Amino acid sequence: MARNEASTYIELAERPTRRSEGSEFLLIGTNGDEDVTVKIIYCGICHSDLHSIKDELGFSIYPVVPGHEIAGVVTQIGCKVGKFKIGDRVGVGCLIGSCRRCSNCEQDLENYCPKRINTYTIFNDGTRNYGGYSDIIVVNEHFVVHFPDNLPLDRGAPLLCAGITVYSPMKYYGLNESGQHLGVVGLGGLGHVAVKFAKAFGMKVTVISRSESKKKEAIERLGADLFLVSSDPEQMQAAMGTMDGIISTFVTPDLITSLIHLLKPHGKLIFLSATDKPVQLPLFPLLTERKLVAGSIIGGLKETQEMLDFAGEHNITSDIEVISMDYVNTAMERLARGDVRYRFVIDIANTLTV
């Protein structure tokens, strides 16, 4: 179980004033025997943070302190901690707890544990944990990862969510082999990192977007090989049956059939997000060409460490805009409009006044 100290919070005037019992803004962190205290230096802003502060998923309890892309430095360790020492550069991602006993946990897949604990959440006993828009966080060492020495904390922080979200399905579904052709739907916080990982794996990459406005960015700066405008029927028709796999960072129900047709036989379409709109799947190509439609969500701690190490070896970082804490609400408004290339990161250490 993690705890935060001297957390800040986002207050949205238009939101209902629903709060839990005893809604103190501060929870003093206590370092247990197996805990690591992390001074937060940077924290990325994920789109799910925006969902939480707006209660778009229906279970937010205010005040909400988001943040699960946390990068910082160890300042205290418990007497039983063996993986970390004071001064280590570390990260805390989307999870700060799990049962550690189920079949998923035993396979290092804590992200699929039915009792997983998200980084900012309400616990079963009614206590709460605040996220990374804070000055410190105290976490069991199992849920903390090392930052490679050459990986900058600011540009590496978003990898703790965006990076593992694309890396995990690429590895699990075998979409990481050199020479394969991967489609990436959407060139946002997840998509631009997916392009970088795929190129590091030695893959051919096609970015699939609704608009041609990101073509130059995708090819000339991020290194994609091809760019496909999904609203152009001729382009989509010409690319049919050319891709070994597709990573889709968002769901557009009326595009699903077209994406399936882009796949080669035995190809895989992997979704990394959900939609509340009805979705229809054409079963015929799944049957006759053995195509697969699947999903994935973040990754376990072992795989997250593997991803960070790979990113360090290949100089993979997120493209970011560093902001101050007092700019967070403006950043949320811009994020809602899609006005960021490609991830906001809060400079916690220099701008959070406590």
Protein backbone atom coordinates (compact mmCIF):
# COMPACT_ATOMS: atom_id res chain seq x y z
CA MET A 1 0.00 0.00 0.00
CA ALA A 2 1.39 3.40 -0.96
CA ARG A 3 0.99 6.74 0.71
CA ASN A 4 1.67 10.33 -0.33
CA GLU A 5 2.73 13.34 1.67
CA ALA A 6 1.90 16.97 1.03
CA SER A 7 -0.08 16.27 -2.11
CA THR A 8 -1.49 18.97 -4.29
CA TYR A 9 -4.83 18.53 -6.04
CA ILE A 10 -6.86 19.73 -8.97
CA GLU A 11 -10.06 21.55 -8.17
CA LEU A 12 -12.60 21.83 -10.98
CA ALA A 13 -15.26 24.37 -10.11
CA GLU A 14 -17.84 22.79 -12.40
CA ARG A 15 -17.51 19.33 -10.86
CA PRO A 16 -19.79 18.07 -8.06
CA THR A 17 -18.35 18.32 -4.56
CA ARG A 18 -18.53 14.58 -3.87
CA ARG A 19 -15.91 13.44 -1.37
CA SER A 20 -15.20 10.47 0.80
CA GLU A 21 -15.48 10.46 4.57
CA GLY A 22 -12.57 12.29 6.15
CA SER A 23 -11.38 13.93 2.94
CA GLU A 24 -8.13 15.40 4.26
CA PHE A 25 -5.84 16.74 1.57
CA LEU A 26 -2.72 15.31 3.24
CA LEU A 27 -1.79 11.74 3.98
CA ILE A 28 1.51 11.44 5.78
CA GLY A 29 3.73 8.75 4.24
CA THR A 30 5.09 6.13 6.61
CA ASN A 31 7.96 4.00 5.37
CA GLY A 32 7.40 0.32 6.22
CA ASP A 33 10.03 -2.43 6.34
CA GLU A 34 9.62 -3.26 2.63
CA ASP A 35 8.80 0.24 1.46
CA VAL A 36 10.71 2.78 -0.60
CA THR A 37 10.17 6.51 -0.18
CA VAL A 38 10.53 8.36 -3.49
CA LYS A 39 11.02 12.10 -3.82
CA ILE A 40 9.03 12.86 -6.97
CA ILE A 41 10.98 14.88 -9.52
CA TYR A 42 8.68 14.59 -12.54
CA CYS A 43 5.22 13.20 -13.22
CA GLY A 44 3.62 12.72 -16.61
CA ILE A 45 0.01 13.56 -17.37
CA CYS A 46 -1.95 10.67 -18.87
CA HIS A 47 -5.34 10.97 -20.57
CA SER A 48 -6.76 8.69 -17.87
CA ASP A 49 -5.89 11.45 -15.36
CA LEU A 50 -8.29 13.67 -17.29
CA HIS A 51 -10.98 10.98 -17.15
CA SER A 52 -10.53 10.75 -13.39
CA ILE A 53 -10.73 14.44 -12.56
CA LYS A 54 -13.85 14.78 -14.73
CA ASP A 55 -15.38 11.60 -13.29
CA GLU A 56 -15.94 10.32 -16.81
CA LEU A 57 -15.69 6.71 -15.61
CA GLY A 58 -18.18 7.25 -12.81
CA PHE A 59 -16.16 6.32 -9.73
CA SER A 60 -14.08 9.41 -8.86
CA ILE A 61 -14.26 10.67 -5.28
CA TYR A 62 -12.98 14.19 -4.74
CA PRO A 63 -10.41 15.53 -4.11
CA VAL A 64 -8.60 13.59 -6.84
CA VAL A 65 -4.81 13.72 -7.02
CA PRO A 66 -3.85 11.94 -10.27
CA GLY A 67 -0.49 10.86 -11.62
CA HIS A 68 0.92 7.42 -12.42
CA GLU A 69 3.97 8.29 -14.51
CA ILE A 70 6.24 9.06 -11.58
CA ALA A 71 10.00 9.53 -11.80
CA GLY A 72 12.16 10.45 -8.85
CA VAL A 73 14.90 9.57 -6.39
CA VAL A 74 14.89 7.21 -3.41
CA THR A 75 15.21 9.12 -0.12
CA GLN A 76 14.42 6.37 2.41
CA ILE A 77 14.22 2.56 2.45
CA GLY A 78 12.82 0.03 4.88
CA CYS A 79 15.05 -2.41 6.73
CA LYS A 80 13.99 -5.31 4.49
CA VAL A 81 14.42 -3.52 1.16
CA GLY A 82 17.01 -5.27 -1.01
CA LYS A 83 16.49 -3.87 -4.51
CA PHE A 84 17.11 -0.17 -3.89
CA LYS A 85 19.38 2.20 -2.02
CA ILE A 86 19.11 5.87 -1.15
CA GLY A 87 19.89 8.01 -4.19
CA ASP A 88 18.68 5.52 -6.79
CA ARG A 89 16.77 6.96 -9.77
CA VAL A 90 13.44 5.14 -9.88
CA GLY A 91 9.95 5.10 -11.30
CA VAL A 92 6.46 4.24 -10.09
CA GLY A 93 3.88 3.45 -12.73
CA CYS A 94 0.21 2.52 -12.79
CA LEU A 95 0.29 -0.08 -9.99
CA ILE A 96 1.28 0.11 -6.33
CA GLY A 97 -0.19 -3.19 -5.13
CA SER A 98 -1.58 -6.64 -5.99
CA CYS A 99 -2.39 -9.86 -4.14
CA ARG A 100 1.04 -11.36 -5.05
CA ARG A 101 -0.50 -14.86 -4.88
CA CYS A 102 -2.85 -15.40 -7.83
CA SER A 103 -1.82 -17.07 -11.09
CA ASN A 104 -1.37 -13.70 -12.78
CA CYS A 105 0.91 -12.40 -10.03
CA GLU A 106 2.91 -15.62 -10.06
CA GLN A 107 3.56 -15.00 -13.78
CA ASP A 108 4.65 -11.39 -13.17
CA LEU A 109 1.38 -10.12 -14.61
CA GLU A 110 0.28 -7.99 -11.67
CA ASN A 111 -1.61 -5.75 -14.10
CA TYR A 112 -4.19 -8.54 -14.52
CA CYS A 113 -4.49 -9.35 -10.82
CA PRO A 114 -8.16 -9.09 -9.77
CA LYS A 115 -6.98 -7.35 -6.59
CA ARG A 116 -4.49 -4.97 -8.21
CA ILE A 117 -4.22 -1.54 -6.61
CA ASN A 118 -3.94 1.42 -8.96
CA THR A 119 -1.56 4.23 -8.09
CA TYR A 120 -4.28 6.68 -7.06
CA THR A 121 -7.25 4.89 -5.62
CA ILE A 122 -9.57 4.24 -2.69
CA PHE A 123 -8.64 1.15 -0.67
CA ASN A 124 -11.04 -1.47 0.66
CA ASP A 125 -10.75 -0.09 4.18
CA GLY A 126 -11.82 3.36 3.01
CA THR A 127 -8.39 4.98 3.12
CA ARG A 128 -7.07 6.59 -0.02
CA ASN A 129 -3.87 7.01 -1.93
CA TYR A 130 -2.97 10.09 -3.91
CA GLY A 131 -1.03 10.00 -7.15
CA GLY A 132 2.10 11.61 -8.48
CA TYR A 133 1.07 15.25 -8.56
CA SER A 134 2.73 15.23 -5.12
CA ASP A 135 6.14 15.72 -3.57
CA ILE A 136 6.73 12.15 -2.31
CA ILE A 137 5.26 8.68 -2.58
CA VAL A 138 5.91 5.63 -0.41
CA VAL A 139 5.59 2.28 -2.21
CA ASN A 140 6.42 -1.37 -1.55
CA GLU A 141 9.72 -2.06 -3.32
CA HIS A 142 8.12 -4.69 -5.57
CA PHE A 143 6.21 -1.94 -7.38
CA VAL A 144 9.18 0.35 -7.95
CA VAL A 145 11.46 0.12 -11.00
CA HIS A 146 15.02 1.29 -11.67
CA PHE A 147 15.66 4.05 -14.21
CA PRO A 148 18.65 3.32 -16.48
CA ASP A 149 21.44 5.83 -15.90
CA ASN A 150 21.18 7.25 -19.41
CA LEU A 151 17.39 7.60 -19.43
CA PRO A 152 16.34 11.16 -18.48
CA LEU A 153 13.70 11.27 -15.76
CA ASP A 154 11.53 13.87 -17.50
CA ARG A 155 11.35 12.22 -20.94
CA GLY A 156 11.35 8.75 -19.40
CA ALA A 157 8.45 9.32 -17.00
CA PRO A 158 5.67 8.79 -19.62
CA LEU A 159 7.16 5.40 -20.50
CA LEU A 160 5.82 4.13 -17.15
CA CYS A 161 2.34 4.16 -18.71
CA ALA A 162 2.50 5.01 -22.42
CA GLY A 163 5.68 3.02 -22.96
CA ILE A 164 4.64 -0.20 -21.25
CA THR A 165 1.14 0.04 -22.74
CA VAL A 166 2.58 -0.35 -26.26
CA TYR A 167 5.64 -2.48 -25.40
CA SER A 168 3.73 -5.24 -23.59
CA PRO A 169 1.35 -6.23 -26.43
CA MET A 170 4.11 -5.98 -29.01
CA LYS A 171 6.14 -8.52 -27.03
CA TYR A 172 3.23 -10.77 -26.00
CA TYR A 173 1.66 -11.02 -29.46
CA GLY A 174 4.97 -11.41 -31.27
CA LEU A 175 4.82 -8.03 -32.98
CA ASN A 176 8.46 -7.24 -32.27
CA GLU A 177 10.32 -9.24 -34.90
CA SER A 178 12.69 -7.52 -37.28
CA GLY A 179 11.27 -7.27 -40.80
CA GLN A 180 7.63 -7.45 -39.73
CA HIS A 181 5.23 -4.73 -40.84
CA LEU A 182 3.40 -2.98 -37.99
CA GLY A 183 0.55 -0.49 -38.29
CA VAL A 184 0.13 2.10 -35.55
CA VAL A 185 -3.29 3.74 -35.31
CA GLY A 186 -3.06 7.22 -33.83
CA LEU A 187 0.02 9.40 -33.37
CA GLY A 188 -0.48 10.65 -29.83
CA GLY A 189 1.05 9.90 -26.45
CA LEU A 190 0.98 6.14 -27.05
CA GLY A 191 1.34 6.07 -30.82
CA HIS A 192 4.54 8.09 -31.11
CA VAL A 193 6.23 5.81 -28.55
CA ALA A 194 4.95 2.72 -30.38
CA VAL A 195 6.66 3.95 -33.55
CA LYS A 196 9.94 4.36 -31.68
CA PHE A 197 9.81 0.89 -30.10
CA ALA A 198 8.85 -0.73 -33.40
CA LYS A 199 11.74 0.90 -35.25
CA ALA A 200 14.11 -0.20 -32.47
CA PHE A 201 12.84 -3.77 -33.01
CA GLY A 202 13.75 -3.41 -36.69
CA MET A 203 10.20 -3.33 -38.01
CA LYS A 204 8.61 -1.59 -40.96
CA VAL A 205 6.08 0.91 -39.56
CA THR A 206 2.99 2.50 -41.06
CA VAL A 207 1.22 5.22 -39.10
CA ILE A 208 -2.54 5.18 -39.65
CA SER A 209 -4.27 8.49 -39.01
CA ARG A 210 -7.53 10.22 -39.86
CA SER A 211 -5.70 13.25 -41.21
CA GLU A 212 -2.64 13.77 -43.40
CA SER A 213 -1.47 16.65 -41.18
CA LYS A 214 0.82 14.37 -39.15
CA LYS A 215 2.49 12.68 -42.12
CA LYS A 216 5.66 14.79 -42.12
CA GLU A 217 6.03 14.41 -38.35
CA ALA A 218 5.54 10.65 -38.51
CA ILE A 219 8.00 9.97 -41.31
CA GLU A 220 10.64 12.68 -41.10
CA ARG A 221 10.99 13.04 -37.35
CA LEU A 222 9.74 9.79 -35.77
CA GLY A 223 11.08 7.49 -38.48
CA ALA A 224 7.90 5.78 -39.70
CA ASP A 225 8.22 4.22 -43.15
CA LEU A 226 4.73 4.91 -44.46
CA PHE A 227 1.68 7.00 -43.62
CA LEU A 228 -1.88 5.90 -44.29
CA VAL A 229 -4.89 8.24 -44.18
CA SER A 230 -7.73 6.11 -42.87
CA SER A 231 -10.37 8.41 -44.39
CA ASP A 232 -8.97 7.85 -47.89
CA PRO A 233 -10.63 4.73 -49.41
CA GLU A 234 -8.04 4.42 -52.17
CA GLN A 235 -5.12 4.41 -49.74
CA MET A 236 -6.83 1.88 -47.48
CA GLN A 237 -7.68 -0.37 -50.43
CA ALA A 238 -4.10 -0.28 -51.71
CA ALA A 239 -2.75 -1.31 -48.28
CA MET A 240 -5.06 -4.30 -47.79
CA GLY A 241 -3.32 -7.47 -46.65
CA THR A 242 0.07 -5.84 -46.06
CA MET A 243 0.50 -5.73 -42.27
CA ASP A 244 1.57 -8.41 -39.80
CA GLY A 245 -0.03 -6.55 -36.94
CA ILE A 246 -1.72 -3.33 -35.90
CA ILE A 247 -1.53 -1.54 -32.56
CA SER A 248 -4.60 0.69 -32.19
CA THR A 249 -4.26 3.39 -29.55
CA PHE A 250 -7.92 4.40 -29.79
CA VAL A 251 -11.13 2.78 -30.96
CA THR A 252 -13.21 4.06 -33.88
CA PRO A 253 -15.99 1.48 -34.35
CA ASP A 254 -16.55 2.24 -38.04
CA LEU A 255 -12.83 1.72 -38.76
CA ILE A 256 -12.47 -1.77 -37.27
CA THR A 257 -13.45 -3.69 -40.39
CA SER A 258 -11.02 -1.69 -42.51
CA LEU A 259 -8.21 -2.35 -40.03
CA ILE A 260 -8.88 -6.09 -40.13
CA HIS A 261 -8.65 -6.01 -43.91
CA LEU A 262 -5.23 -4.32 -43.68
CA LEU A 263 -3.85 -7.43 -41.97
CA LYS A 264 -2.12 -10.30 -43.68
CA PRO A 265 -3.48 -13.81 -42.98
CA HIS A 266 -2.72 -14.66 -39.33
CA GLY A 267 -2.38 -10.93 -38.61
CA LYS A 268 -3.22 -9.41 -35.22
CA LEU A 269 -5.20 -6.28 -34.38
CA ILE A 270 -4.55 -5.19 -30.78
CA PHE A 271 -6.62 -2.51 -29.05
CA LEU A 272 -5.13 -0.48 -26.21
CA SER A 273 -8.26 1.47 -25.29
CA ALA A 274 -12.01 1.01 -25.07
CA THR A 275 -15.15 2.75 -26.25
CA ASP A 276 -18.69 3.02 -24.95
CA LYS A 277 -20.03 2.78 -28.51
CA PRO A 278 -21.27 -0.51 -29.99
CA VAL A 279 -18.60 -2.45 -31.85
CA GLN A 280 -19.18 -4.98 -34.63
CA LEU A 281 -16.60 -7.49 -35.85
CA PRO A 282 -16.62 -9.11 -39.29
CA LEU A 283 -16.16 -12.78 -38.44
CA PHE A 284 -15.51 -14.06 -41.95
CA PRO A 285 -11.90 -12.80 -42.26
CA LEU A 286 -11.20 -14.00 -38.72
CA LEU A 287 -12.30 -17.49 -39.71
CA THR A 288 -10.91 -17.79 -43.21
CA GLU A 289 -7.59 -16.01 -42.61
CA ARG A 290 -7.12 -16.79 -38.92
CA LYS A 291 -6.84 -13.16 -37.95
CA LEU A 292 -6.90 -12.13 -34.30
CA VAL A 293 -8.56 -9.19 -32.56
CA ALA A 294 -7.38 -8.72 -28.97
CA GLY A 295 -6.61 -6.18 -26.27
CA SER A 296 -3.97 -5.30 -23.73
CA ILE A 297 -3.53 -3.06 -20.70
CA ILE A 298 -0.19 -1.79 -19.33
CA GLY A 299 2.16 -4.57 -18.11
CA GLY A 300 3.59 -6.28 -15.04
CA LEU A 301 6.51 -4.98 -13.02
CA LYS A 302 9.10 -7.36 -14.51
CA GLU A 303 8.08 -6.36 -18.03
CA THR A 304 8.03 -2.67 -17.10
CA GLN A 305 11.64 -2.93 -15.95
CA GLU A 306 12.51 -4.78 -19.16
CA MET A 307 10.86 -2.01 -21.17
CA LEU A 308 12.79 0.74 -19.38
CA ASP A 309 16.07 -1.13 -19.87
CA PHE A 310 15.30 -1.56 -23.58
CA ALA A 311 14.44 2.15 -23.84
CA GLY A 312 17.76 3.02 -22.21
CA GLU A 313 19.69 0.77 -24.58
CA HIS A 314 18.01 2.28 -27.65
CA ASN A 315 17.63 5.90 -26.49
CA ILE A 316 13.85 5.75 -26.59
CA THR A 317 12.10 8.59 -24.78
CA SER A 318 8.75 10.30 -24.96
CA ASP A 319 8.41 13.66 -26.69
CA ILE A 320 7.27 16.00 -23.95
CA GLU A 321 6.32 19.49 -22.91
CA VAL A 322 7.54 20.22 -19.38
CA ILE A 323 5.14 22.36 -17.36
CA SER A 324 4.92 23.87 -13.89
CA MET A 325 2.43 22.69 -11.29
CA ASP A 326 0.39 25.88 -11.57
CA TYR A 327 -0.13 25.14 -15.29
CA VAL A 328 -1.81 21.77 -14.70
CA ASN A 329 -5.42 22.87 -15.18
CA THR A 330 -4.51 24.64 -18.42
CA ALA A 331 -2.65 21.53 -19.54
CA MET A 332 -5.79 19.46 -18.88
CA GLU A 333 -7.83 21.80 -21.07
CA ARG A 334 -5.25 21.50 -23.83
CA LEU A 335 -5.11 17.72 -23.44
CA ALA A 336 -8.88 17.54 -23.88
CA ARG A 337 -8.41 19.36 -27.21
CA GLY A 338 -5.50 17.15 -28.26
CA ASP A 339 -3.18 20.16 -28.09
CA VAL A 340 0.06 18.50 -26.98
CA ARG A 341 3.00 16.85 -28.74
CA TYR A 342 2.93 14.32 -27.17
CA ARG A 343 2.93 14.25 -23.37
CA PHE A 344 2.79 16.87 -20.64
CA VAL A 345 5.25 16.28 -17.79
CA ILE A 346 5.03 18.25 -14.55
CA ASP A 347 8.27 19.56 -13.06
CA ILE A 348 7.29 18.57 -9.54
CA ALA A 349 10.61 19.21 -7.80
CA ASN A 350 10.96 22.81 -8.94
CA THR A 351 7.36 24.02 -9.03
CA LEU A 352 5.33 22.26 -6.32
CA THR A 353 5.15 24.51 -3.25
CA VAL A 354 4.28 22.64 -0.06
